[in-house]
N, C-alpha and C. Protein backbone atom coordinates (compact mmCIF):
# COMPACT_ATOMS: atom_id res chain seq x y z
N MET A 1 69.29 -20.71 40.89
CA MET A 1 69.64 -19.31 40.72
C MET A 1 68.52 -18.64 39.96
N LEU A 2 67.92 -17.63 40.53
CA LEU A 2 66.85 -16.88 39.88
C LEU A 2 67.35 -15.47 39.63
N LEU A 3 67.44 -15.10 38.36
CA LEU A 3 67.88 -13.77 38.00
C LEU A 3 66.69 -12.84 37.92
N HIS A 4 66.95 -11.56 38.09
CA HIS A 4 65.88 -10.57 38.16
C HIS A 4 64.92 -10.65 36.97
N GLY A 5 65.40 -10.68 35.77
CA GLY A 5 64.54 -10.67 34.59
C GLY A 5 64.07 -12.04 34.16
N CYS A 6 64.43 -13.07 34.88
CA CYS A 6 64.12 -14.43 34.45
C CYS A 6 63.14 -15.12 35.39
N GLY A 7 62.28 -14.37 36.04
CA GLY A 7 61.36 -14.95 37.00
C GLY A 7 60.11 -15.56 36.39
N ALA A 8 59.73 -15.14 35.20
CA ALA A 8 58.51 -15.65 34.58
C ALA A 8 58.73 -17.07 34.10
N SER A 9 57.66 -17.83 34.08
CA SER A 9 57.78 -19.20 33.60
C SER A 9 58.05 -19.19 32.09
N ALA A 10 58.88 -20.09 31.66
CA ALA A 10 59.27 -20.16 30.25
C ALA A 10 58.21 -20.88 29.44
N PRO A 11 57.99 -20.44 28.19
CA PRO A 11 57.08 -21.14 27.32
C PRO A 11 57.62 -22.52 26.97
N ALA A 12 56.75 -23.36 26.48
CA ALA A 12 57.17 -24.70 26.07
C ALA A 12 58.19 -24.59 24.95
N ALA A 13 59.10 -25.57 24.90
CA ALA A 13 60.17 -25.54 23.91
C ALA A 13 59.64 -25.49 22.48
N SER A 14 58.50 -26.08 22.23
CA SER A 14 57.99 -26.12 20.87
C SER A 14 57.40 -24.78 20.43
N THR A 15 57.17 -23.84 21.36
CA THR A 15 56.55 -22.58 20.98
C THR A 15 57.55 -21.45 20.80
N VAL A 16 58.74 -21.57 21.34
CA VAL A 16 59.72 -20.49 21.25
C VAL A 16 61.05 -21.05 20.79
N VAL A 17 61.60 -20.46 19.76
CA VAL A 17 62.94 -20.82 19.35
C VAL A 17 63.87 -19.64 19.62
N VAL A 18 63.52 -18.48 19.10
CA VAL A 18 64.34 -17.29 19.25
C VAL A 18 63.41 -16.12 19.54
N PRO A 19 63.77 -15.24 20.47
CA PRO A 19 62.91 -14.08 20.74
C PRO A 19 62.81 -13.17 19.52
N ALA A 20 61.71 -12.48 19.40
CA ALA A 20 61.54 -11.52 18.31
C ALA A 20 62.57 -10.41 18.46
N PRO A 21 63.08 -9.92 17.35
CA PRO A 21 64.10 -8.89 17.45
C PRO A 21 63.54 -7.58 17.97
N PRO A 22 64.37 -6.85 18.74
CA PRO A 22 63.97 -5.51 19.14
C PRO A 22 64.13 -4.59 17.93
N VAL A 23 64.01 -3.30 18.13
CA VAL A 23 64.24 -2.36 17.04
C VAL A 23 65.60 -2.69 16.44
N HIS A 24 65.67 -2.84 15.13
CA HIS A 24 66.88 -3.38 14.48
C HIS A 24 68.16 -2.63 14.84
N SER A 25 68.06 -1.33 14.98
CA SER A 25 69.29 -0.57 15.21
C SER A 25 69.79 -0.64 16.65
N VAL A 26 69.08 -1.35 17.51
CA VAL A 26 69.50 -1.46 18.91
C VAL A 26 70.44 -2.66 19.06
N PRO A 27 71.72 -2.41 19.40
CA PRO A 27 72.67 -3.52 19.47
C PRO A 27 72.67 -4.28 20.80
N VAL A 28 71.90 -3.83 21.79
CA VAL A 28 71.87 -4.51 23.08
C VAL A 28 70.43 -4.91 23.38
N ALA A 29 70.22 -6.22 23.55
CA ALA A 29 68.90 -6.75 23.92
C ALA A 29 69.08 -7.56 25.20
N ASP A 30 68.80 -6.93 26.32
CA ASP A 30 69.06 -7.52 27.64
C ASP A 30 67.76 -8.14 28.19
N PHE A 31 67.32 -9.24 27.59
CA PHE A 31 66.08 -9.90 28.01
C PHE A 31 66.20 -10.47 29.43
N ALA A 32 67.41 -10.86 29.84
CA ALA A 32 67.62 -11.43 31.18
C ALA A 32 67.83 -10.35 32.24
N GLU A 33 67.86 -9.10 31.81
CA GLU A 33 68.02 -7.96 32.72
C GLU A 33 69.26 -8.09 33.60
N LEU A 34 70.39 -8.35 32.96
CA LEU A 34 71.66 -8.45 33.68
C LEU A 34 72.32 -7.09 33.87
N LEU A 35 71.95 -6.13 33.04
CA LEU A 35 72.56 -4.81 33.06
C LEU A 35 71.59 -3.78 33.62
N THR A 36 72.14 -2.75 34.23
CA THR A 36 71.29 -1.64 34.63
C THR A 36 70.96 -0.85 33.36
N ALA A 37 69.99 0.03 33.46
CA ALA A 37 69.61 0.85 32.31
C ALA A 37 70.79 1.69 31.83
N GLU A 38 71.55 2.25 32.74
CA GLU A 38 72.71 3.07 32.36
C GLU A 38 73.79 2.22 31.70
N GLN A 39 74.04 1.02 32.23
CA GLN A 39 75.03 0.14 31.62
C GLN A 39 74.62 -0.25 30.21
N ALA A 40 73.34 -0.55 30.01
CA ALA A 40 72.84 -0.91 28.68
C ALA A 40 72.96 0.27 27.72
N ARG A 41 72.65 1.48 28.18
CA ARG A 41 72.78 2.68 27.33
C ARG A 41 74.23 2.92 26.94
N ALA A 42 75.14 2.79 27.90
CA ALA A 42 76.56 3.00 27.62
C ALA A 42 77.07 1.97 26.62
N LEU A 43 76.68 0.72 26.79
CA LEU A 43 77.09 -0.33 25.86
C LEU A 43 76.48 -0.11 24.48
N THR A 44 75.24 0.33 24.42
CA THR A 44 74.59 0.63 23.15
C THR A 44 75.35 1.73 22.42
N ARG A 45 75.71 2.80 23.13
CA ARG A 45 76.47 3.90 22.51
C ARG A 45 77.82 3.40 22.00
N ARG A 46 78.46 2.57 22.79
CA ARG A 46 79.78 2.06 22.42
C ARG A 46 79.70 1.20 21.16
N LEU A 47 78.71 0.33 21.09
CA LEU A 47 78.56 -0.54 19.93
C LEU A 47 78.12 0.25 18.69
N ALA A 48 77.29 1.26 18.89
CA ALA A 48 76.88 2.11 17.76
C ALA A 48 78.08 2.88 17.21
N ASP A 49 78.92 3.40 18.09
CA ASP A 49 80.14 4.11 17.65
C ASP A 49 81.06 3.16 16.88
N ALA A 50 81.21 1.94 17.38
CA ALA A 50 82.06 0.96 16.71
C ALA A 50 81.51 0.61 15.34
N ARG A 51 80.19 0.50 15.24
CA ARG A 51 79.57 0.20 13.94
C ARG A 51 79.83 1.33 12.95
N THR A 52 79.78 2.56 13.41
CA THR A 52 80.06 3.70 12.54
C THR A 52 81.50 3.65 12.04
N ARG A 53 82.43 3.29 12.92
CA ARG A 53 83.85 3.23 12.55
C ARG A 53 84.18 2.05 11.65
N THR A 54 83.67 0.86 11.99
CA THR A 54 84.11 -0.36 11.31
C THR A 54 83.10 -0.87 10.28
N HIS A 55 81.87 -0.44 10.36
CA HIS A 55 80.75 -0.92 9.55
C HIS A 55 80.30 -2.33 9.93
N HIS A 56 80.97 -2.96 10.90
CA HIS A 56 80.58 -4.28 11.37
C HIS A 56 79.61 -4.13 12.53
N GLU A 57 78.60 -4.99 12.57
CA GLU A 57 77.60 -4.91 13.63
C GLU A 57 77.88 -5.97 14.69
N VAL A 58 77.98 -5.52 15.94
CA VAL A 58 78.12 -6.41 17.09
C VAL A 58 76.87 -6.23 17.95
N ALA A 59 76.21 -7.34 18.26
CA ALA A 59 75.02 -7.30 19.10
C ALA A 59 75.29 -8.10 20.37
N VAL A 60 74.80 -7.58 21.49
CA VAL A 60 74.87 -8.28 22.76
C VAL A 60 73.45 -8.66 23.14
N VAL A 61 73.23 -9.95 23.36
CA VAL A 61 71.89 -10.44 23.68
C VAL A 61 71.99 -11.33 24.91
N THR A 62 71.13 -11.03 25.90
CA THR A 62 71.02 -11.91 27.06
C THR A 62 69.61 -12.49 27.05
N VAL A 63 69.50 -13.77 27.34
CA VAL A 63 68.20 -14.45 27.33
C VAL A 63 68.03 -15.23 28.63
N CYS A 64 66.78 -15.40 29.02
CA CYS A 64 66.49 -16.18 30.23
C CYS A 64 66.60 -17.67 29.97
N SER A 65 66.37 -18.08 28.74
CA SER A 65 66.39 -19.50 28.44
C SER A 65 66.76 -19.72 26.99
N LEU A 66 67.37 -20.86 26.74
CA LEU A 66 67.64 -21.30 25.37
C LEU A 66 66.51 -22.19 24.85
N TYR A 67 65.52 -22.43 25.70
CA TYR A 67 64.32 -23.20 25.34
C TYR A 67 64.65 -24.56 24.73
N GLY A 68 65.61 -25.23 25.34
CA GLY A 68 65.96 -26.58 24.91
C GLY A 68 66.94 -26.65 23.75
N GLU A 69 67.28 -25.52 23.16
CA GLU A 69 68.23 -25.50 22.05
C GLU A 69 69.66 -25.52 22.61
N THR A 70 70.61 -25.95 21.80
CA THR A 70 72.01 -25.76 22.18
C THR A 70 72.33 -24.29 21.98
N ILE A 71 73.34 -23.81 22.68
CA ILE A 71 73.69 -22.40 22.52
C ILE A 71 74.19 -22.13 21.11
N ASP A 72 74.85 -23.10 20.49
CA ASP A 72 75.33 -22.93 19.11
C ASP A 72 74.16 -22.71 18.16
N ALA A 73 73.16 -23.58 18.24
CA ALA A 73 72.00 -23.47 17.35
C ALA A 73 71.21 -22.20 17.64
N PHE A 74 71.03 -21.88 18.91
CA PHE A 74 70.25 -20.70 19.29
C PHE A 74 70.92 -19.43 18.77
N SER A 75 72.23 -19.30 18.99
CA SER A 75 72.93 -18.08 18.57
C SER A 75 72.94 -17.94 17.05
N TRP A 76 73.11 -19.03 16.34
CA TRP A 76 73.10 -19.00 14.87
C TRP A 76 71.72 -18.58 14.36
N GLN A 77 70.66 -19.19 14.93
CA GLN A 77 69.30 -18.83 14.52
C GLN A 77 69.01 -17.37 14.84
N LEU A 78 69.42 -16.92 16.01
CA LEU A 78 69.18 -15.55 16.41
C LEU A 78 69.88 -14.58 15.46
N ALA A 79 71.15 -14.81 15.18
CA ALA A 79 71.90 -13.93 14.28
C ALA A 79 71.26 -13.86 12.91
N ASN A 80 70.80 -14.99 12.41
CA ASN A 80 70.18 -15.01 11.08
C ASN A 80 68.78 -14.41 11.08
N LEU A 81 67.98 -14.73 12.06
CA LEU A 81 66.62 -14.19 12.13
C LEU A 81 66.65 -12.68 12.31
N TRP A 82 67.54 -12.19 13.16
CA TRP A 82 67.62 -10.77 13.43
C TRP A 82 68.35 -10.00 12.33
N GLY A 83 69.09 -10.70 11.49
CA GLY A 83 69.84 -10.03 10.43
C GLY A 83 71.00 -9.20 10.96
N VAL A 84 71.74 -9.76 11.91
CA VAL A 84 72.88 -9.04 12.48
C VAL A 84 74.00 -8.99 11.44
N GLY A 85 74.47 -7.80 11.15
CA GLY A 85 75.50 -7.60 10.13
C GLY A 85 74.90 -7.12 8.83
N ARG A 86 75.77 -6.75 7.92
CA ARG A 86 75.32 -6.24 6.63
C ARG A 86 75.01 -7.39 5.68
N ARG A 87 73.92 -7.23 4.96
CA ARG A 87 73.52 -8.23 3.97
C ARG A 87 74.62 -8.36 2.93
N PHE A 88 74.91 -9.57 2.54
CA PHE A 88 75.91 -9.95 1.55
C PHE A 88 77.34 -9.81 2.05
N TYR A 89 77.56 -9.18 3.21
CA TYR A 89 78.89 -9.12 3.81
C TYR A 89 79.02 -10.15 4.93
N TYR A 90 77.91 -10.50 5.54
CA TYR A 90 77.87 -11.48 6.63
C TYR A 90 78.88 -11.12 7.73
N ASP A 91 78.86 -9.86 8.12
CA ASP A 91 79.86 -9.35 9.04
C ASP A 91 79.27 -8.98 10.40
N GLY A 92 78.34 -9.78 10.87
CA GLY A 92 77.75 -9.54 12.18
C GLY A 92 78.34 -10.48 13.23
N ILE A 93 78.30 -10.02 14.47
CA ILE A 93 78.76 -10.82 15.61
C ILE A 93 77.71 -10.70 16.70
N VAL A 94 77.38 -11.83 17.31
CA VAL A 94 76.45 -11.84 18.44
C VAL A 94 77.18 -12.40 19.65
N LEU A 95 77.17 -11.64 20.73
CA LEU A 95 77.61 -12.15 22.03
C LEU A 95 76.33 -12.53 22.76
N LEU A 96 76.11 -13.82 22.91
CA LEU A 96 74.89 -14.34 23.53
C LEU A 96 75.21 -14.85 24.93
N VAL A 97 74.39 -14.44 25.90
CA VAL A 97 74.57 -14.86 27.29
C VAL A 97 73.25 -15.45 27.77
N ALA A 98 73.31 -16.69 28.24
CA ALA A 98 72.15 -17.38 28.83
C ALA A 98 72.53 -17.74 30.26
N PRO A 99 72.33 -16.83 31.21
CA PRO A 99 72.85 -17.03 32.56
C PRO A 99 72.23 -18.18 33.32
N VAL A 100 70.96 -18.48 33.10
CA VAL A 100 70.32 -19.58 33.84
C VAL A 100 70.96 -20.91 33.45
N GLU A 101 71.23 -21.08 32.15
CA GLU A 101 71.90 -22.31 31.70
C GLU A 101 73.41 -22.25 31.86
N ARG A 102 73.91 -21.07 32.28
CA ARG A 102 75.35 -20.86 32.47
C ARG A 102 76.11 -21.09 31.16
N LYS A 103 75.61 -20.46 30.10
CA LYS A 103 76.21 -20.58 28.77
C LYS A 103 76.45 -19.20 28.18
N ALA A 104 77.50 -19.09 27.39
CA ALA A 104 77.78 -17.88 26.64
C ALA A 104 78.45 -18.30 25.33
N ARG A 105 78.22 -17.50 24.29
CA ARG A 105 78.80 -17.83 22.99
C ARG A 105 79.02 -16.55 22.20
N ILE A 106 80.07 -16.57 21.39
CA ILE A 106 80.31 -15.51 20.43
C ILE A 106 80.06 -16.12 19.06
N GLU A 107 79.01 -15.67 18.39
CA GLU A 107 78.65 -16.15 17.05
C GLU A 107 79.19 -15.15 16.05
N VAL A 108 80.04 -15.62 15.15
CA VAL A 108 80.72 -14.75 14.19
C VAL A 108 80.22 -15.05 12.79
N GLY A 109 79.82 -14.00 12.07
CA GLY A 109 79.39 -14.15 10.68
C GLY A 109 80.54 -14.57 9.79
N PHE A 110 80.21 -15.22 8.68
CA PHE A 110 81.24 -15.74 7.77
C PHE A 110 82.21 -14.66 7.31
N GLY A 111 81.72 -13.45 7.14
CA GLY A 111 82.57 -12.38 6.63
C GLY A 111 83.63 -11.90 7.60
N LEU A 112 83.54 -12.29 8.85
CA LEU A 112 84.53 -11.88 9.85
C LEU A 112 85.31 -13.04 10.45
N GLU A 113 85.12 -14.23 9.90
CA GLU A 113 85.78 -15.40 10.49
C GLU A 113 87.29 -15.37 10.40
N THR A 114 87.85 -14.60 9.48
CA THR A 114 89.31 -14.49 9.45
C THR A 114 89.79 -13.45 10.46
N ALA A 115 88.98 -12.44 10.75
CA ALA A 115 89.34 -11.42 11.74
C ALA A 115 89.13 -11.92 13.16
N LEU A 116 88.10 -12.74 13.37
CA LEU A 116 87.78 -13.28 14.69
C LEU A 116 87.51 -14.77 14.53
N THR A 117 88.55 -15.57 14.72
CA THR A 117 88.44 -17.01 14.51
C THR A 117 87.73 -17.68 15.68
N ASP A 118 87.37 -18.94 15.50
CA ASP A 118 86.75 -19.71 16.59
C ASP A 118 87.70 -19.79 17.80
N ALA A 119 88.98 -19.96 17.53
CA ALA A 119 89.97 -20.05 18.63
C ALA A 119 90.04 -18.73 19.39
N GLU A 120 90.03 -17.61 18.67
CA GLU A 120 90.06 -16.30 19.33
C GLU A 120 88.78 -16.05 20.12
N SER A 121 87.65 -16.46 19.56
CA SER A 121 86.37 -16.32 20.26
C SER A 121 86.38 -17.11 21.56
N ALA A 122 86.88 -18.33 21.50
CA ALA A 122 86.96 -19.16 22.70
C ALA A 122 87.90 -18.53 23.74
N MET A 123 89.01 -17.97 23.29
CA MET A 123 89.95 -17.32 24.19
C MET A 123 89.29 -16.12 24.88
N ILE A 124 88.54 -15.34 24.12
CA ILE A 124 87.84 -14.19 24.70
C ILE A 124 86.85 -14.66 25.77
N LEU A 125 86.11 -15.71 25.47
CA LEU A 125 85.16 -16.25 26.45
C LEU A 125 85.87 -16.69 27.72
N TYR A 126 86.89 -17.52 27.58
CA TYR A 126 87.54 -18.11 28.74
C TYR A 126 88.45 -17.16 29.50
N ARG A 127 89.05 -16.19 28.80
CA ARG A 127 89.98 -15.26 29.44
C ARG A 127 89.29 -14.01 29.98
N ASP A 128 88.34 -13.46 29.20
CA ASP A 128 87.79 -12.15 29.52
C ASP A 128 86.38 -12.18 30.11
N ILE A 129 85.53 -13.07 29.62
CA ILE A 129 84.11 -13.04 29.97
C ILE A 129 83.78 -13.93 31.17
N LEU A 130 84.05 -15.21 31.03
CA LEU A 130 83.59 -16.18 32.04
C LEU A 130 84.14 -15.95 33.45
N PRO A 131 85.42 -15.57 33.62
CA PRO A 131 85.87 -15.31 35.00
C PRO A 131 85.06 -14.20 35.68
N ARG A 132 84.70 -13.18 34.94
CA ARG A 132 83.90 -12.09 35.51
C ARG A 132 82.47 -12.55 35.81
N PHE A 133 81.92 -13.36 34.90
CA PHE A 133 80.58 -13.90 35.15
C PHE A 133 80.57 -14.74 36.42
N ARG A 134 81.60 -15.58 36.60
CA ARG A 134 81.67 -16.43 37.79
C ARG A 134 81.73 -15.59 39.07
N ALA A 135 82.30 -14.40 38.97
CA ALA A 135 82.38 -13.50 40.12
C ALA A 135 81.11 -12.67 40.29
N GLY A 136 80.12 -12.88 39.41
CA GLY A 136 78.87 -12.14 39.49
C GLY A 136 78.89 -10.79 38.81
N ASP A 137 79.94 -10.50 38.06
CA ASP A 137 80.09 -9.22 37.38
C ASP A 137 79.65 -9.34 35.92
N TRP A 138 78.33 -9.29 35.70
CA TRP A 138 77.79 -9.44 34.34
C TRP A 138 78.25 -8.31 33.44
N ASN A 139 78.13 -7.07 33.93
CA ASN A 139 78.53 -5.92 33.13
C ASN A 139 80.02 -5.97 32.79
N GLY A 140 80.84 -6.31 33.77
CA GLY A 140 82.28 -6.39 33.54
C GLY A 140 82.63 -7.45 32.50
N GLY A 141 81.98 -8.61 32.58
CA GLY A 141 82.25 -9.68 31.62
C GLY A 141 81.82 -9.31 30.21
N ILE A 142 80.63 -8.73 30.10
CA ILE A 142 80.14 -8.33 28.78
C ILE A 142 81.04 -7.25 28.19
N ASN A 143 81.39 -6.24 28.99
CA ASN A 143 82.24 -5.16 28.48
C ASN A 143 83.64 -5.63 28.12
N ALA A 144 84.20 -6.53 28.92
CA ALA A 144 85.53 -7.07 28.59
C ALA A 144 85.47 -7.86 27.29
N GLY A 145 84.40 -8.64 27.11
CA GLY A 145 84.23 -9.39 25.87
C GLY A 145 84.08 -8.48 24.67
N VAL A 146 83.27 -7.44 24.81
CA VAL A 146 83.06 -6.49 23.72
C VAL A 146 84.38 -5.78 23.38
N THR A 147 85.14 -5.40 24.39
CA THR A 147 86.44 -4.75 24.14
C THR A 147 87.34 -5.66 23.30
N SER A 148 87.42 -6.93 23.66
CA SER A 148 88.28 -7.86 22.92
C SER A 148 87.75 -8.13 21.51
N ILE A 149 86.43 -8.25 21.39
CA ILE A 149 85.83 -8.46 20.06
C ILE A 149 86.14 -7.28 19.15
N LEU A 150 85.92 -6.08 19.66
CA LEU A 150 86.15 -4.88 18.84
C LEU A 150 87.62 -4.73 18.48
N ARG A 151 88.50 -5.10 19.39
CA ARG A 151 89.94 -5.04 19.10
C ARG A 151 90.28 -5.96 17.93
N GLU A 152 89.69 -7.15 17.90
CA GLU A 152 90.00 -8.12 16.85
C GLU A 152 89.44 -7.72 15.49
N ILE A 153 88.29 -7.06 15.46
CA ILE A 153 87.67 -6.75 14.15
C ILE A 153 87.97 -5.35 13.66
N SER A 154 88.67 -4.56 14.45
CA SER A 154 88.98 -3.18 14.03
C SER A 154 90.22 -3.12 13.16
């Protein structure tokens, strides 16, 4: 399976761990190009509005490769390197999608683990996100996941 944004050859695993962060205030980083420009803009507006209301930061990141890392390690490193969430509150959430490896994960900061537990994150993945991804609906899966995440932390 070759996705539109994932055609370039990947760097060696020893040279890349996590992509450099985009502009910090941008909550959507679609490196795998799963979303159209309009879909990414709409999702960015939605996440920015939610951040204004809740003060919690939710980031959606798609990558072409995990570069040999497990999705757990990659998402944790990404969330920490990028500084998702407020400092000292640890209230950031990353929805990470790696379509080539067929992996997705919701990484929840310590400050929100009571609002969005591991069990709830898994339920969101299996109920809302993955069925849409299997049907080829990347935008639908990401938006359904974001809707459920925001419902849990609001």
